[in-house]
PDB file of N, CA and C in Angstrom:
ATOM      1  N   MET A   1       0.852  -1.195   0.000  1.00  0.00           N
ATOM      2  CA  MET A   1       0.000   0.000   0.000  1.00  0.00           C
ATOM      3  C   MET A   1       0.889   1.247   0.000  1.00  0.00           C
ATOM      4  N   GLU A   2       0.535   2.195  -0.843  1.00  0.00           N
ATOM      5  CA  GLU A   2       1.329   3.423  -0.943  1.00  0.00           C
ATOM      6  C   GLU A   2       0.989   4.389   0.192  1.00  0.00           C
ATOM      7  N   ILE A   3       1.973   5.165   0.606  1.00  0.00           N
ATOM      8  CA  ILE A   3       1.795   6.162   1.655  1.00  0.00           C
ATOM      9  C   ILE A   3       1.982   7.545   1.028  1.00  0.00           C
ATOM     10  N   CYS A   4       1.084   8.466   1.368  1.00  0.00           N
ATOM     11  CA  CYS A   4       1.171   9.833   0.843  1.00  0.00           C
ATOM     12  C   CYS A   4       2.376  10.542   1.458  1.00  0.00           C
ATOM     13  N   PRO A   5       3.223  11.180   0.638  1.00  0.00           N
ATOM     14  CA  PRO A   5       4.404  11.851   1.199  1.00  0.00           C
ATOM     15  C   PRO A   5       4.063  13.115   1.992  1.00  0.00           C
ATOM     16  N   LYS A   6       2.909  13.747   1.713  1.00  0.00           N
ATOM     17  CA  LYS A   6       2.550  14.989   2.409  1.00  0.00           C
ATOM     18  C   LYS A   6       1.991  14.727   3.800  1.00  0.00           C
ATOM     19  N   CYS A   7       0.946  13.864   3.890  1.00  0.00           N
ATOM     20  CA  CYS A   7       0.256  13.702   5.183  1.00  0.00           C
ATOM     21  C   CYS A   7       0.652  12.430   5.917  1.00  0.00           C
ATOM     22  N   GLY A   8       1.342  11.489   5.244  1.00  0.00           N
ATOM     23  CA  GLY A   8       1.793  10.278   5.909  1.00  0.00           C
ATOM     24  C   GLY A   8       0.725   9.214   6.065  1.00  0.00           C
ATOM     25  N   LEU A   9      -0.456   9.445   5.513  1.00  0.00           N
ATOM     26  CA  LEU A   9      -1.535   8.455   5.583  1.00  0.00           C
ATOM     27  C   LEU A   9      -1.504   7.579   4.339  1.00  0.00           C
ATOM     28  N   PRO A  10      -2.112   6.390   4.405  1.00  0.00           N
ATOM     29  CA  PRO A  10      -2.211   5.567   3.196  1.00  0.00           C
ATOM     30  C   PRO A  10      -2.990   6.310   2.105  1.00  0.00           C
ATOM     31  N   LYS A  11      -2.679   6.039   0.829  1.00  0.00           N
ATOM     32  CA  LYS A  11      -3.291   6.747  -0.299  1.00  0.00           C
ATOM     33  C   LYS A  11      -4.820   6.780  -0.234  1.00  0.00           C
ATOM     34  N   PRO A  12      -5.517   5.654   0.087  1.00  0.00           N
ATOM     35  CA  PRO A  12      -6.993   5.741   0.126  1.00  0.00           C
ATOM     36  C   PRO A  12      -7.524   6.679   1.218  1.00  0.00           C
ATOM     37  N   ALA A  13      -6.776   6.883   2.292  1.00  0.00           N
ATOM     38  CA  ALA A  13      -7.227   7.728   3.401  1.00  0.00           C
ATOM     39  C   ALA A  13      -6.604   9.119   3.370  1.00  0.00           C
ATOM     40  N   CYS A  14      -5.923   9.460   2.282  1.00  0.00           N
ATOM     41  CA  CYS A  14      -5.214  10.739   2.174  1.00  0.00           C
ATOM     42  C   CYS A  14      -6.189  11.918   2.265  1.00  0.00           C
ATOM     43  N   VAL A  15      -5.843  12.922   3.065  1.00  0.00           N
ATOM     44  CA  VAL A  15      -6.703  14.093   3.257  1.00  0.00           C
ATOM     45  C   VAL A  15      -6.127  15.347   2.616  1.00  0.00           C
ATOM     46  N   CYS A  16      -5.045  15.219   1.866  1.00  0.00           N
ATOM     47  CA  CYS A  16      -4.393  16.395   1.272  1.00  0.00           C
ATOM     48  C   CYS A  16      -5.327  17.142   0.325  1.00  0.00           C
ATOM     49  N   GLU A  17      -6.082  16.397  -0.488  1.00  0.00           N
ATOM     50  CA  GLU A  17      -6.947  17.063  -1.466  1.00  0.00           C
ATOM     51  C   GLU A  17      -8.069  17.840  -0.779  1.00  0.00           C
ATOM     52  N   GLN A  18      -8.637  17.299   0.304  1.00  0.00           N
ATOM     53  CA  GLN A  18      -9.682  18.033   1.025  1.00  0.00           C
ATOM     54  C   GLN A  18      -9.122  19.308   1.645  1.00  0.00           C
ATOM     55  N   ILE A  19      -7.913  19.241   2.170  1.00  0.00           N
ATOM     56  CA  ILE A  19      -7.286  20.423   2.765  1.00  0.00           C
ATOM     57  C   ILE A  19      -7.032  21.461   1.681  1.00  0.00           C
ATOM     58  N   GLU A  20      -6.547  21.020   0.513  1.00  0.00           N
ATOM     59  CA  GLU A  20      -6.305  21.942  -0.598  1.00  0.00           C
ATOM     60  C   GLU A  20      -7.600  22.596  -1.058  1.00  0.00           C
ATOM     61  N   LYS A  21      -8.677  21.814  -1.136  1.00  0.00           N
ATOM     62  CA  LYS A  21      -9.949  22.348  -1.611  1.00  0.00           C
ATOM     63  C   LYS A  21     -10.509  23.396  -0.653  1.00  0.00           C
ATOM     64  N   SER A  22     -10.299  23.218   0.649  1.00  0.00           N
ATOM     65  CA  SER A  22     -10.875  24.166   1.610  1.00  0.00           C
ATOM     66  C   SER A  22     -10.092  25.481   1.645  1.00  0.00           C
ATOM     67  N   SER A  23      -8.872  25.506   1.105  1.00  0.00           N
ATOM     68  CA  SER A  23      -8.066  26.726   1.162  1.00  0.00           C
ATOM     69  C   SER A  23      -8.093  27.524  -0.145  1.00  0.00           C
ATOM     70  N   GLN A  24      -8.993  27.194  -1.055  1.00  0.00           N
ATOM     71  CA  GLN A  24      -9.072  27.878  -2.347  1.00  0.00           C
ATOM     72  C   GLN A  24      -9.891  29.161  -2.244  1.00  0.00           C
ATOM     73  N   ARG A  25      -9.606  30.117  -3.145  1.00  0.00           N
ATOM     74  CA  ARG A  25     -10.434  31.322  -3.305  1.00  0.00           C
ATOM     75  C   ARG A  25     -10.982  31.267  -4.727  1.00  0.00           C
ATOM     76  N   ILE A  26     -12.182  30.762  -4.883  1.00  0.00           N
ATOM     77  CA  ILE A  26     -12.746  30.523  -6.209  1.00  0.00           C
ATOM     78  C   ILE A  26     -13.676  31.657  -6.589  1.00  0.00           C
ATOM     79  N   ARG A  27     -13.533  32.143  -7.825  1.00  0.00           N
ATOM     80  CA  ARG A  27     -14.383  33.214  -8.340  1.00  0.00           C
ATOM     81  C   ARG A  27     -15.225  32.673  -9.480  1.00  0.00           C
ATOM     82  N   VAL A  28     -16.524  32.998  -9.457  1.00  0.00           N
ATOM     83  CA  VAL A  28     -17.434  32.619 -10.534  1.00  0.00           C
ATOM     84  C   VAL A  28     -17.911  33.913 -11.186  1.00  0.00           C
ATOM     85  N   THR A  29     -17.593  34.086 -12.468  1.00  0.00           N
ATOM     86  CA  THR A  29     -17.985  35.293 -13.195  1.00  0.00           C
ATOM     87  C   THR A  29     -18.576  34.904 -14.545  1.00  0.00           C
ATOM     88  N   ASN A  30     -19.230  35.869 -15.175  1.00  0.00           N
ATOM     89  CA  ASN A  30     -19.766  35.677 -16.523  1.00  0.00           C
ATOM     90  C   ASN A  30     -19.008  36.567 -17.485  1.00  0.00           C
ATOM     91  N   ASP A  31     -18.935  36.132 -18.726  1.00  0.00           N
ATOM     92  CA  ASP A  31     -18.256  36.898 -19.761  1.00  0.00           C
ATOM     93  C   ASP A  31     -19.054  36.753 -21.047  1.00  0.00           C
ATOM     94  N   LYS A  32     -19.010  37.801 -21.867  1.00  0.00           N
ATOM     95  CA  LYS A  32     -19.697  37.755 -23.153  1.00  0.00           C
ATOM     96  C   LYS A  32     -18.675  37.509 -24.239  1.00  0.00           C
ATOM     97  N   LYS A  33     -18.882  36.460 -24.997  1.00  0.00           N
ATOM     98  CA  LYS A  33     -17.977  36.121 -26.096  1.00  0.00           C
ATOM     99  C   LYS A  33     -18.549  36.657 -27.401  1.00  0.00           C
ATOM    100  N   ARG A  34     -17.978  36.212 -28.515  1.00  0.00           N
ATOM    101  CA  ARG A  34     -18.424  36.659 -29.826  1.00  0.00           C
ATOM    102  C   ARG A  34     -19.892  36.306 -30.052  1.00  0.00           C
ATOM    103  N   TYR A  35     -20.543  37.126 -30.824  1.00  0.00           N
ATOM    104  CA  TYR A  35     -21.949  36.930 -31.205  1.00  0.00           C
ATOM    105  C   TYR A  35     -22.887  36.929 -30.005  1.00  0.00           C
ATOM    106  N   GLY A  36     -22.501  37.561 -28.891  1.00  0.00           N
ATOM    107  CA  GLY A  36     -23.370  37.694 -27.730  1.00  0.00           C
ATOM    108  C   GLY A  36     -23.513  36.441 -26.889  1.00  0.00           C
ATOM    109  N   LYS A  37     -22.675  35.454 -27.106  1.00  0.00           N
ATOM    110  CA  LYS A  37     -22.744  34.222 -26.317  1.00  0.00           C
ATOM    111  C   LYS A  37     -22.200  34.495 -24.917  1.00  0.00           C
ATOM    112  N   ILE A  38     -22.869  33.930 -23.915  1.00  0.00           N
ATOM    113  CA  ILE A  38     -22.432  34.103 -22.528  1.00  0.00           C
ATOM    114  C   ILE A  38     -21.726  32.827 -22.070  1.00  0.00           C
ATOM    115  N   VAL A  39     -20.577  33.003 -21.414  1.00  0.00           N
ATOM    116  CA  VAL A  39     -19.880  31.874 -20.804  1.00  0.00           C
ATOM    117  C   VAL A  39     -19.687  32.172 -19.318  1.00  0.00           C
ATOM    118  N   THR A  40     -19.677  31.128 -18.518  1.00  0.00           N
ATOM    119  CA  THR A  40     -19.443  31.241 -17.081  1.00  0.00           C
ATOM    120  C   THR A  40     -18.004  30.821 -16.819  1.00  0.00           C
ATOM    121  N   LEU A  41     -17.248  31.683 -16.137  1.00  0.00           N
ATOM    122  CA  LEU A  41     -15.842  31.424 -15.845  1.00  0.00           C
ATOM    123  C   LEU A  41     -15.680  31.068 -14.365  1.00  0.00           C
ATOM    124  N   VAL A  42     -14.999  29.965 -14.093  1.00  0.00           N
ATOM    125  CA  VAL A  42     -14.694  29.552 -12.721  1.00  0.00           C
ATOM    126  C   VAL A  42     -13.182  29.563 -12.600  1.00  0.00           C
ATOM    127  N   SER A  43     -12.639  30.467 -11.754  1.00  0.00           N
ATOM    128  CA  SER A  43     -11.185  30.611 -11.665  1.00  0.00           C
ATOM    129  C   SER A  43     -10.738  30.649 -10.212  1.00  0.00           C
ATOM    130  N   GLY A  44      -9.422  30.629 -10.013  1.00  0.00           N
ATOM    131  CA  GLY A  44      -8.847  30.725  -8.677  1.00  0.00           C
ATOM    132  C   GLY A  44      -8.385  29.400  -8.113  1.00  0.00           C
ATOM    133  N   PHE A  45      -8.212  28.393  -8.959  1.00  0.00           N
ATOM    134  CA  PHE A  45      -7.767  27.088  -8.484  1.00  0.00           C
ATOM    135  C   PHE A  45      -6.249  27.059  -8.358  1.00  0.00           C
ATOM    136  N   ASP A  46      -5.753  26.265  -7.390  1.00  0.00           N
ATOM    137  CA  ASP A  46      -4.317  26.031  -7.245  1.00  0.00           C
ATOM    138  C   ASP A  46      -3.848  25.032  -8.290  1.00  0.00           C
ATOM    139  N   ASN A  47      -2.541  24.916  -8.458  1.00  0.00           N
ATOM    140  CA  ASN A  47      -1.989  23.937  -9.388  1.00  0.00           C
ATOM    141  C   ASN A  47      -2.120  22.513  -8.857  1.00  0.00           C
ATOM    142  N   THR A  48      -2.357  22.360  -7.556  1.00  0.00           N
ATOM    143  CA  THR A  48      -2.396  21.027  -6.957  1.00  0.00           C
ATOM    144  C   THR A  48      -3.708  20.307  -7.221  1.00  0.00           C
ATOM    145  N   ILE A  49      -4.734  21.029  -7.673  1.00  0.00           N
ATOM    146  CA  ILE A  49      -6.047  20.427  -7.881  1.00  0.00           C
ATOM    147  C   ILE A  49      -6.214  20.062  -9.344  1.00  0.00           C
ATOM    148  N   ASP A  50      -6.849  18.918  -9.601  1.00  0.00           N
ATOM    149  CA  ASP A  50      -7.088  18.449 -10.964  1.00  0.00           C
ATOM    150  C   ASP A  50      -8.276  19.212 -11.556  1.00  0.00           C
ATOM    151  N   ILE A  51      -7.972  20.287 -12.279  1.00  0.00           N
ATOM    152  CA  ILE A  51      -9.020  21.169 -12.805  1.00  0.00           C
ATOM    153  C   ILE A  51      -9.827  20.463 -13.887  1.00  0.00           C
ATOM    154  N   LYS A  52      -9.174  19.626 -14.682  1.00  0.00           N
ATOM    155  CA  LYS A  52      -9.885  18.935 -15.761  1.00  0.00           C
ATOM    156  C   LYS A  52     -10.965  18.013 -15.202  1.00  0.00           C
ATOM    157  N   LYS A  53     -10.670  17.366 -14.083  1.00  0.00           N
ATOM    158  CA  LYS A  53     -11.650  16.475 -13.454  1.00  0.00           C
ATOM    159  C   LYS A  53     -12.851  17.281 -12.949  1.00  0.00           C
ATOM    160  N   ILE A  54     -12.590  18.439 -12.345  1.00  0.00           N
ATOM    161  CA  ILE A  54     -13.669  19.295 -11.845  1.00  0.00           C
ATOM    162  C   ILE A  54     -14.496  19.832 -13.006  1.00  0.00           C
ATOM    163  N   ALA A  55     -13.822  20.233 -14.097  1.00  0.00           N
ATOM    164  CA  ALA A  55     -14.537  20.733 -15.268  1.00  0.00           C
ATOM    165  C   ALA A  55     -15.452  19.656 -15.835  1.00  0.00           C
ATOM    166  N   LYS A  56     -14.980  18.429 -15.876  1.00  0.00           N
ATOM    167  CA  LYS A  56     -15.792  17.328 -16.393  1.00  0.00           C
ATOM    168  C   LYS A  56     -17.032  17.112 -15.530  1.00  0.00           C
ATOM    169  N   GLU A  57     -16.851  17.153 -14.207  1.00  0.00           N
ATOM    170  CA  GLU A  57     -17.979  16.995 -13.289  1.00  0.00           C
ATOM    171  C   GLU A  57     -19.010  18.111 -13.492  1.00  0.00           C
ATOM    172  N   LEU A  58     -18.528  19.365 -13.593  1.00  0.00           N
ATOM    173  CA  LEU A  58     -19.433  20.498 -13.775  1.00  0.00           C
ATOM    174  C   LEU A  58     -20.181  20.402 -15.101  1.00  0.00           C
ATOM    175  N   LYS A  59     -19.484  20.037 -16.172  1.00  0.00           N
ATOM    176  CA  LYS A  59     -20.118  19.929 -17.480  1.00  0.00           C
ATOM    177  C   LYS A  59     -21.182  18.836 -17.484  1.00  0.00           C
ATOM    178  N   ASN A  60     -20.890  17.696 -16.823  1.00  0.00           N
ATOM    179  CA  ASN A  60     -21.878  16.621 -16.749  1.00  0.00           C
ATOM    180  C   ASN A  60     -23.094  17.048 -15.942  1.00  0.00           C
ATOM    181  N   SER A  61     -22.871  17.720 -14.811  1.00  0.00           N
ATOM    182  CA  SER A  61     -23.981  18.121 -13.937  1.00  0.00           C
ATOM    183  C   SER A  61     -24.852  19.196 -14.570  1.00  0.00           C
ATOM    184  N   LEU A  62     -24.226  20.128 -15.312  1.00  0.00           N
ATOM    185  CA  LEU A  62     -24.959  21.245 -15.895  1.00  0.00           C
ATOM    186  C   LEU A  62     -25.418  20.972 -17.318  1.00  0.00           C
ATOM    187  N   ALA A  63     -25.032  19.837 -17.885  1.00  0.00           N
ATOM    188  CA  ALA A  63     -25.398  19.455 -19.254  1.00  0.00           C
ATOM    189  C   ALA A  63     -25.024  20.556 -20.239  1.00  0.00           C
ATOM    190  N   CYS A  64     -23.750  20.963 -20.197  1.00  0.00           N
ATOM    191  CA  CYS A  64     -23.278  22.007 -21.104  1.00  0.00           C
ATOM    192  C   CYS A  64     -21.868  21.657 -21.565  1.00  0.00           C
ATOM    193  N   GLY A  65     -21.400  22.392 -22.562  1.00  0.00           N
ATOM    194  CA  GLY A  65     -20.037  22.223 -23.028  1.00  0.00           C
ATOM    195  C   GLY A  65     -19.113  23.148 -22.266  1.00  0.00           C
ATOM    196  N   GLY A  66     -17.832  22.964 -22.450  1.00  0.00           N
ATOM    197  CA  GLY A  66     -16.882  23.844 -21.789  1.00  0.00           C
ATOM    198  C   GLY A  66     -15.461  23.395 -22.034  1.00  0.00           C
ATOM    199  N   THR A  67     -14.526  24.142 -21.460  1.00  0.00           N
ATOM    200  CA  THR A  67     -13.115  23.846 -21.639  1.00  0.00           C
ATOM    201  C   THR A  67     -12.318  24.367 -20.445  1.00  0.00           C
ATOM    202  N   VAL A  68     -11.040  24.011 -20.404  1.00  0.00           N
ATOM    203  CA  VAL A  68     -10.121  24.516 -19.392  1.00  0.00           C
ATOM    204  C   VAL A  68      -9.041  25.307 -20.112  1.00  0.00           C
ATOM    205  N   LYS A  69      -8.917  26.609 -19.784  1.00  0.00           N
ATOM    206  CA  LYS A  69      -7.895  27.467 -20.388  1.00  0.00           C
ATOM    207  C   LYS A  69      -7.164  28.221 -19.288  1.00  0.00           C
ATOM    208  N   ASP A  70      -5.860  28.098 -19.255  1.00  0.00           N
ATOM    209  CA  ASP A  70      -5.008  28.860 -18.327  1.00  0.00           C
ATOM    210  C   ASP A  70      -5.474  28.777 -16.875  1.00  0.00           C
ATOM    211  N   GLY A  71      -5.846  27.592 -16.408  1.00  0.00           N
ATOM    212  CA  GLY A  71      -6.281  27.426 -15.024  1.00  0.00           C
ATOM    213  C   GLY A  71      -7.673  27.941 -14.740  1.00  0.00           C
ATOM    214  N   THR A  72      -8.452  28.231 -15.784  1.00  0.00           N
ATOM    215  CA  THR A  72      -9.822  28.711 -15.635  1.00  0.00           C
ATOM    216  C   THR A  72     -10.757  27.764 -16.366  1.00  0.00           C
ATOM    217  N   ILE A  73     -11.867  27.434 -15.733  1.00  0.00           N
ATOM    218  CA  ILE A  73     -12.880  26.596 -16.372  1.00  0.00           C
ATOM    219  C   ILE A  73     -13.868  27.511 -17.072  1.00  0.00           C
ATOM    220  N   GLU A  74     -14.096  27.292 -18.372  1.00  0.00           N
ATOM    221  CA  GLU A  74     -15.084  28.041 -19.142  1.00  0.00           C
ATOM    222  C   GLU A  74     -16.251  27.117 -19.432  1.00  0.00           C
ATOM    223  N   LEU A  75     -17.447  27.498 -18.992  1.00  0.00           N
ATOM    224  CA  LEU A  75     -18.649  26.707 -19.260  1.00  0.00           C
ATOM    225  C   LEU A  75     -19.569  27.495 -20.175  1.00  0.00           C
ATOM    226  N   GLN A  76     -20.113  26.847 -21.178  1.00  0.00           N
ATOM    227  CA  GLN A  76     -20.997  27.519 -22.113  1.00  0.00           C
ATOM    228  C   GLN A  76     -22.338  27.779 -21.450  1.00  0.00           C
ATOM    229  N   GLY A  77     -22.781  29.040 -21.464  1.00  0.00           N
ATOM    230  CA  GLY A  77     -24.075  29.393 -20.898  1.00  0.00           C
ATOM    231  C   GLY A  77     -23.950  30.109 -19.572  1.00  0.00           C
ATOM    232  N   GLU A  78     -25.094  30.562 -19.050  1.00  0.00           N
ATOM    233  CA  GLU A  78     -25.182  31.302 -17.783  1.00  0.00           C
ATOM    234  C   GLU A  78     -25.488  30.299 -16.665  1.00  0.00           C
ATOM    235  N   HIS A  79     -24.470  29.970 -15.846  1.00  0.00           N
ATOM    236  CA  HIS A  79     -24.632  28.967 -14.785  1.00  0.00           C
ATOM    237  C   HIS A  79     -24.167  29.468 -13.429  1.00  0.00           C
ATOM    238  N   SER A  80     -24.019  30.777 -13.257  1.00  0.00           N
ATOM    239  CA  SER A  80     -23.398  31.287 -12.036  1.00  0.00           C
ATOM    240  C   SER A  80     -24.203  30.945 -10.781  1.00  0.00           C
ATOM    241  N   LYS A  81     -25.503  30.828 -10.876  1.00  0.00           N
ATOM    242  CA  LYS A  81     -26.318  30.494  -9.696  1.00  0.00           C
ATOM    243  C   LYS A  81     -26.221  29.008  -9.330  1.00  0.00           C
ATOM    244  N   LYS A  82     -25.989  28.158 -10.325  1.00  0.00           N
ATOM    245  CA  LYS A  82     -26.002  26.709 -10.100  1.00  0.00           C
ATOM    246  C   LYS A  82     -24.638  26.150  -9.704  1.00  0.00           C
ATOM    247  N   ILE A  83     -23.579  26.928  -9.925  1.00  0.00           N
ATOM    248  CA  ILE A  83     -22.231  26.381  -9.728  1.00  0.00           C
ATOM    249  C   ILE A  83     -21.868  26.222  -8.253  1.00  0.00           C
ATOM    250  N   LYS A  84     -22.272  27.173  -7.405  1.00  0.00           N
ATOM    251  CA  LYS A  84     -21.868  27.130  -5.991  1.00  0.00           C
ATOM    252  C   LYS A  84     -22.293  25.827  -5.309  1.00  0.00           C
ATOM    253  N   PRO A  85     -23.569  25.390  -5.423  1.00  0.00           N
ATOM    254  CA  PRO A  85     -23.919  24.109  -4.777  1.00  0.00           C
ATOM    255  C   PRO A  85     -23.153  22.915  -5.356  1.00  0.00           C
ATOM    256  N   LEU A  86     -22.855  22.951  -6.636  1.00  0.00           N
ATOM    257  CA  LEU A  86     -22.107  21.845  -7.240  1.00  0.00           C
ATOM    258  C   LEU A  86     -20.674  21.799  -6.719  1.00  0.00           C
ATOM    259  N   LEU A  87     -20.034  22.970  -6.583  1.00  0.00           N
ATOM    260  CA  LEU A  87     -18.671  23.008  -6.049  1.00  0.00           C
ATOM    261  C   LEU A  87     -18.642  22.572  -4.587  1.00  0.00           C
ATOM    262  N   GLU A  88     -19.683  22.939  -3.831  1.00  0.00           N
ATOM    263  CA  GLU A  88     -19.751  22.496  -2.430  1.00  0.00           C
ATOM    264  C   GLU A  88     -19.878  20.978  -2.367  1.00  0.00           C
ATOM    265  N   LYS A  89     -20.648  20.397  -3.283  1.00  0.00           N
ATOM    266  CA  LYS A  89     -20.814  18.946  -3.321  1.00  0.00           C
ATOM    267  C   LYS A  89     -19.489  18.257  -3.664  1.00  0.00           C
ATOM    268  N   LEU A  90     -18.643  18.935  -4.449  1.00  0.00           N
ATOM    269  CA  LEU A  90     -17.342  18.382  -4.820  1.00  0.00           C
ATOM    270  C   LEU A  90     -16.302  18.558  -3.712  1.00  0.00           C
ATOM    271  N   GLY A  91     -16.652  19.234  -2.612  1.00  0.00           N
ATOM    272  CA  GLY A  91     -15.758  19.320  -1.459  1.00  0.00           C
ATOM    273  C   GLY A  91     -15.133  20.678  -1.226  1.00  0.00           C
ATOM    274  N   PHE A  92     -15.537  21.697  -1.965  1.00  0.00           N
ATOM    275  CA  PHE A  92     -14.985  23.036  -1.743  1.00  0.00           C
ATOM    276  C   PHE A  92     -15.763  23.736  -0.630  1.00  0.00           C
ATOM    277  N   ASP A  93     -15.085  24.653   0.071  1.00  0.00           N
ATOM    278  CA  ASP A  93     -15.678  25.384   1.176  1.00  0.00           C
ATOM    279  C   ASP A  93     -16.637  26.457   0.642  1.00  0.00           C
ATOM    280  N   SER A  94     -17.829  26.579   1.233  1.00  0.00           N
ATOM    281  CA  SER A  94     -18.824  27.530   0.705  1.00  0.00           C
ATOM    282  C   SER A  94     -18.377  28.971   0.895  1.00  0.00           C
ATOM    283  N   GLU A  95     -17.587  29.269   1.939  1.00  0.00           N
ATOM    284  CA  GLU A  95     -17.118  30.645   2.155  1.00  0.00           C
ATOM    285  C   GLU A  95     -16.060  31.046   1.132  1.00  0.00           C
ATOM    286  N   SER A  96     -15.385  30.066   0.527  1.00  0.00           N
ATOM    287  CA  SER A  96     -14.295  30.389  -0.398  1.00  0.00           C
ATOM    288  C   SER A  96     -14.791  30.641  -1.818  1.00  0.00           C
ATOM    289  N   ILE A  97     -16.099  30.494  -2.071  1.00  0.00           N
ATOM    290  CA  ILE A  97     -16.643  30.675  -3.416  1.00  0.00           C
ATOM    291  C   ILE A  97     -17.306  32.035  -3.503  1.00  0.00           C
ATOM    292  N   GLU A  98     -16.846  32.874  -4.436  1.00  0.00           N
ATOM    293  CA  GLU A  98     -17.414  34.206  -4.618  1.00  0.00           C
ATOM    294  C   GLU A  98     -18.294  34.219  -5.839  1.00  0.00           C
TER     295      GLU A  98
END
């Protein structure tokens, strides 16, 4: 069984990712792209978190397309009201989401 080098616990019981998620300052904003299309931007993630995995979860839950660019998740459409509960379900702290 592998042991995590950061916390010293076995890999299945590792708490490093939960600690990282609670210390994030995440911003949810909207932006207007070409032809008046609205995209929702989720930014403020650390390099230690798997952003692609989070983007995939958000896209599946919101039934929309999106991408990851420069550490920012871009989701097609206006989803700023729906994102906070989804991020909380994924383990992020509710106070850290703006």
